[in-house]
Amino acid sequence: MLIYDITTDSIHGAQSNQTELEPIEIPDDESTYNNPDFQFIHSIQTQTPMHPDFKEGLKYMQFCEAVAQSIISKKSIDLPPKAKMDGWGYYLN
C-alpha cells in the first residue's frame, strides 16, 4: 500500500506482510520537479535526451493503470496489467 499526503508532501507505505505504514523517503538524486511541457521543450532546444524516456513513461502509465484497476477491483494487480482502461474512469468491454 502507498499513501501520498499532499498536505505534508510525504509518502508512507507497507508491503503485504507488514501491519504498519512506514515513511518512504525519496533521495534527492531521484526526486524531480514534474513539468513535462517545459521538459519536452527544453529537451528539443538543448538537444538533450528526454526524461522520462518512452520506456520509463510506459512503465509509469502501466503502474497508473494497475493502481486504478486495483482501486476498482479491490485486488492486487500484477505489472504490467492487462489493458482495461480506455481513459481515466472508463473501462474497455
C-alpha atoms as a PDB file:
ATOM      1  CA  MET A   1       0.000   0.000   0.000  1.00  0.00           C
ATOM      2  CA  LEU A   2       1.198   3.516  -0.770  1.00  0.00           C
ATOM      3  CA  ILE A   3      -0.261   6.690   0.679  1.00  0.00           C
ATOM      4  CA  TYR A   4       0.746  10.141  -0.515  1.00  0.00           C
ATOM      5  CA  ASP A   5      -0.270  13.021   1.739  1.00  0.00           C
ATOM      6  CA  ILE A   6      -0.447  16.123  -0.418  1.00  0.00           C
ATOM      7  CA  THR A   7      -0.694  18.421   2.620  1.00  0.00           C
ATOM      8  CA  THR A   8       2.646  17.261   4.026  1.00  0.00           C
ATOM      9  CA  ASP A   9       4.227  16.086   0.747  1.00  0.00           C
ATOM     10  CA  SER A  10       5.016  12.756   2.407  1.00  0.00           C
ATOM     11  CA  ILE A  11       4.769   9.128   1.332  1.00  0.00           C
ATOM     12  CA  HIS A  12       4.058   6.174   3.605  1.00  0.00           C
ATOM     13  CA  GLY A  13       3.793   2.545   2.614  1.00  0.00           C
ATOM     14  CA  ALA A  14       3.622  -1.074   3.654  1.00  0.00           C
ATOM     15  CA  GLN A  15       4.070  -4.425   1.965  1.00  0.00           C
ATOM     16  CA  SER A  16       1.528  -7.235   2.333  1.00  0.00           C
ATOM     17  CA  ASN A  17       3.449  -8.793   5.232  1.00  0.00           C
ATOM     18  CA  GLN A  18       3.554  -5.523   7.225  1.00  0.00           C
ATOM     19  CA  THR A  19       0.890  -4.277   9.622  1.00  0.00           C
ATOM     20  CA  GLU A  20       2.122  -0.672   9.982  1.00  0.00           C
ATOM     21  CA  LEU A  21       2.786   2.043   7.426  1.00  0.00           C
ATOM     22  CA  GLU A  22       6.366   3.318   7.292  1.00  0.00           C
ATOM     23  CA  PRO A  23       7.635   6.621   5.882  1.00  0.00           C
ATOM     24  CA  ILE A  24       9.265   6.339   2.474  1.00  0.00           C
ATOM     25  CA  GLU A  25      11.966   8.900   1.751  1.00  0.00           C
ATOM     26  CA  ILE A  26      12.836   9.797  -1.838  1.00  0.00           C
ATOM     27  CA  PRO A  27      16.573  10.535  -2.212  1.00  0.00           C
ATOM     28  CA  ASP A  28      17.331  13.970  -3.674  1.00  0.00           C
ATOM     29  CA  ASP A  29      19.030  12.413  -6.709  1.00  0.00           C
ATOM     30  CA  GLU A  30      15.793  10.520  -7.527  1.00  0.00           C
ATOM     31  CA  SER A  31      13.402  13.421  -6.954  1.00  0.00           C
ATOM     32  CA  THR A  32      12.442  15.743  -9.796  1.00  0.00           C
ATOM     33  CA  TYR A  33      10.029  18.574 -10.406  1.00  0.00           C
ATOM     34  CA  ASN A  34       7.440  17.301 -12.873  1.00  0.00           C
ATOM     35  CA  ASN A  35       6.683  19.792 -15.635  1.00  0.00           C
ATOM     36  CA  PRO A  36       6.518  17.666 -18.799  1.00  0.00           C
ATOM     37  CA  ASP A  37       5.750  20.561 -21.150  1.00  0.00           C
ATOM     38  CA  PHE A  38       8.808  22.517 -20.007  1.00  0.00           C
ATOM     39  CA  GLN A  39      10.961  19.382 -20.025  1.00  0.00           C
ATOM     40  CA  PHE A  40       9.859  18.496 -23.576  1.00  0.00           C
ATOM     41  CA  ILE A  41      10.600  21.995 -24.933  1.00  0.00           C
ATOM     42  CA  HIS A  42      13.914  22.128 -23.062  1.00  0.00           C
ATOM     43  CA  SER A  43      14.884  18.742 -24.497  1.00  0.00           C
ATOM     44  CA  ILE A  44      14.257  19.989 -28.044  1.00  0.00           C
ATOM     45  CA  GLN A  45      16.047  23.311 -27.504  1.00  0.00           C
ATOM     46  CA  THR A  46      19.135  21.751 -25.931  1.00  0.00           C
ATOM     47  CA  GLN A  47      19.042  18.531 -27.965  1.00  0.00           C
ATOM     48  CA  THR A  48      19.326  16.505 -24.774  1.00  0.00           C
ATOM     49  CA  PRO A  49      17.546  13.234 -24.043  1.00  0.00           C
ATOM     50  CA  MET A  50      14.078  13.462 -22.548  1.00  0.00           C
ATOM     51  CA  HIS A  51      13.484  12.178 -19.053  1.00  0.00           C
ATOM     52  CA  PRO A  52      11.449  10.153 -18.552  1.00  0.00           C
ATOM     53  CA  ASP A  53      12.080   8.467 -21.861  1.00  0.00           C
ATOM     54  CA  PHE A  54       9.431   6.434 -23.671  1.00  0.00           C
ATOM     55  CA  LYS A  55      10.159   3.182 -21.800  1.00  0.00           C
ATOM     56  CA  GLU A  56      10.030   4.916 -18.413  1.00  0.00           C
ATOM     57  CA  GLY A  57       6.811   6.687 -19.417  1.00  0.00           C
ATOM     58  CA  LEU A  58       5.267   3.380 -20.460  1.00  0.00           C
ATOM     59  CA  LYS A  59       6.152   1.793 -17.105  1.00  0.00           C
ATOM     60  CA  TYR A  60       4.634   4.791 -15.320  1.00  0.00           C
ATOM     61  CA  MET A  61       1.376   4.511 -17.275  1.00  0.00           C
ATOM     62  CA  GLN A  62       1.237   0.745 -16.636  1.00  0.00           C
ATOM     63  CA  PHE A  63       1.670   1.448 -12.926  1.00  0.00           C
ATOM     64  CA  CYS A  64      -1.108   4.086 -13.012  1.00  0.00           C
ATOM     65  CA  GLU A  65      -3.470   1.691 -14.774  1.00  0.00           C
ATOM     66  CA  ALA A  66      -2.676  -1.069 -12.269  1.00  0.00           C
ATOM     67  CA  VAL A  67      -3.422   1.326  -9.392  1.00  0.00           C
ATOM     68  CA  ALA A  68      -6.761   2.314 -10.950  1.00  0.00           C
ATOM     69  CA  GLN A  69      -7.689  -1.326 -11.583  1.00  0.00           C
ATOM     70  CA  SER A  70      -6.697  -2.242  -8.037  1.00  0.00           C
ATOM     71  CA  ILE A  71      -8.861   0.519  -6.580  1.00  0.00           C
ATOM     72  CA  ILE A  72     -11.903  -0.563  -8.594  1.00  0.00           C
ATOM     73  CA  SER A  73     -11.459  -4.324  -8.140  1.00  0.00           C
ATOM     74  CA  LYS A  74     -10.138  -4.100  -4.557  1.00  0.00           C
ATOM     75  CA  LYS A  75      -7.496  -6.681  -5.546  1.00  0.00           C
ATOM     76  CA  SER A  76      -3.774  -6.554  -6.193  1.00  0.00           C
ATOM     77  CA  ILE A  77      -2.862  -6.242  -9.877  1.00  0.00           C
ATOM     78  CA  ASP A  78       0.337  -7.609 -11.390  1.00  0.00           C
ATOM     79  CA  LEU A  79       2.555  -5.410 -13.536  1.00  0.00           C
ATOM     80  CA  PRO A  80       2.207  -4.876 -16.381  1.00  0.00           C
ATOM     81  CA  PRO A  81      -1.591  -5.009 -16.131  1.00  0.00           C
ATOM     82  CA  LYS A  82      -3.865  -6.243 -18.874  1.00  0.00           C
ATOM     83  CA  ALA A  83      -5.188  -3.084 -20.555  1.00  0.00           C
ATOM     84  CA  LYS A  84      -8.754  -2.454 -19.419  1.00  0.00           C
ATOM     85  CA  MET A  85      -8.995   1.333 -19.422  1.00  0.00           C
ATOM     86  CA  ASP A  86      -9.990   3.478 -22.374  1.00  0.00           C
ATOM     87  CA  GLY A  87      -9.454   6.611 -20.285  1.00  0.00           C
ATOM     88  CA  TRP A  88      -9.496   7.595 -16.622  1.00  0.00           C
ATOM     89  CA  GLY A  89     -12.654   6.103 -15.217  1.00  0.00           C
ATOM     90  CA  TYR A  90     -13.705   4.437 -18.471  1.00  0.00           C
ATOM     91  CA  TYR A  91     -13.207   0.717 -18.933  1.00  0.00           C
ATOM     92  CA  LEU A  92     -12.983  -1.247 -22.165  1.00  0.00           C
ATOM     93  CA  ASN A  93     -15.550  -4.003 -22.615  1.00  0.00           C
END
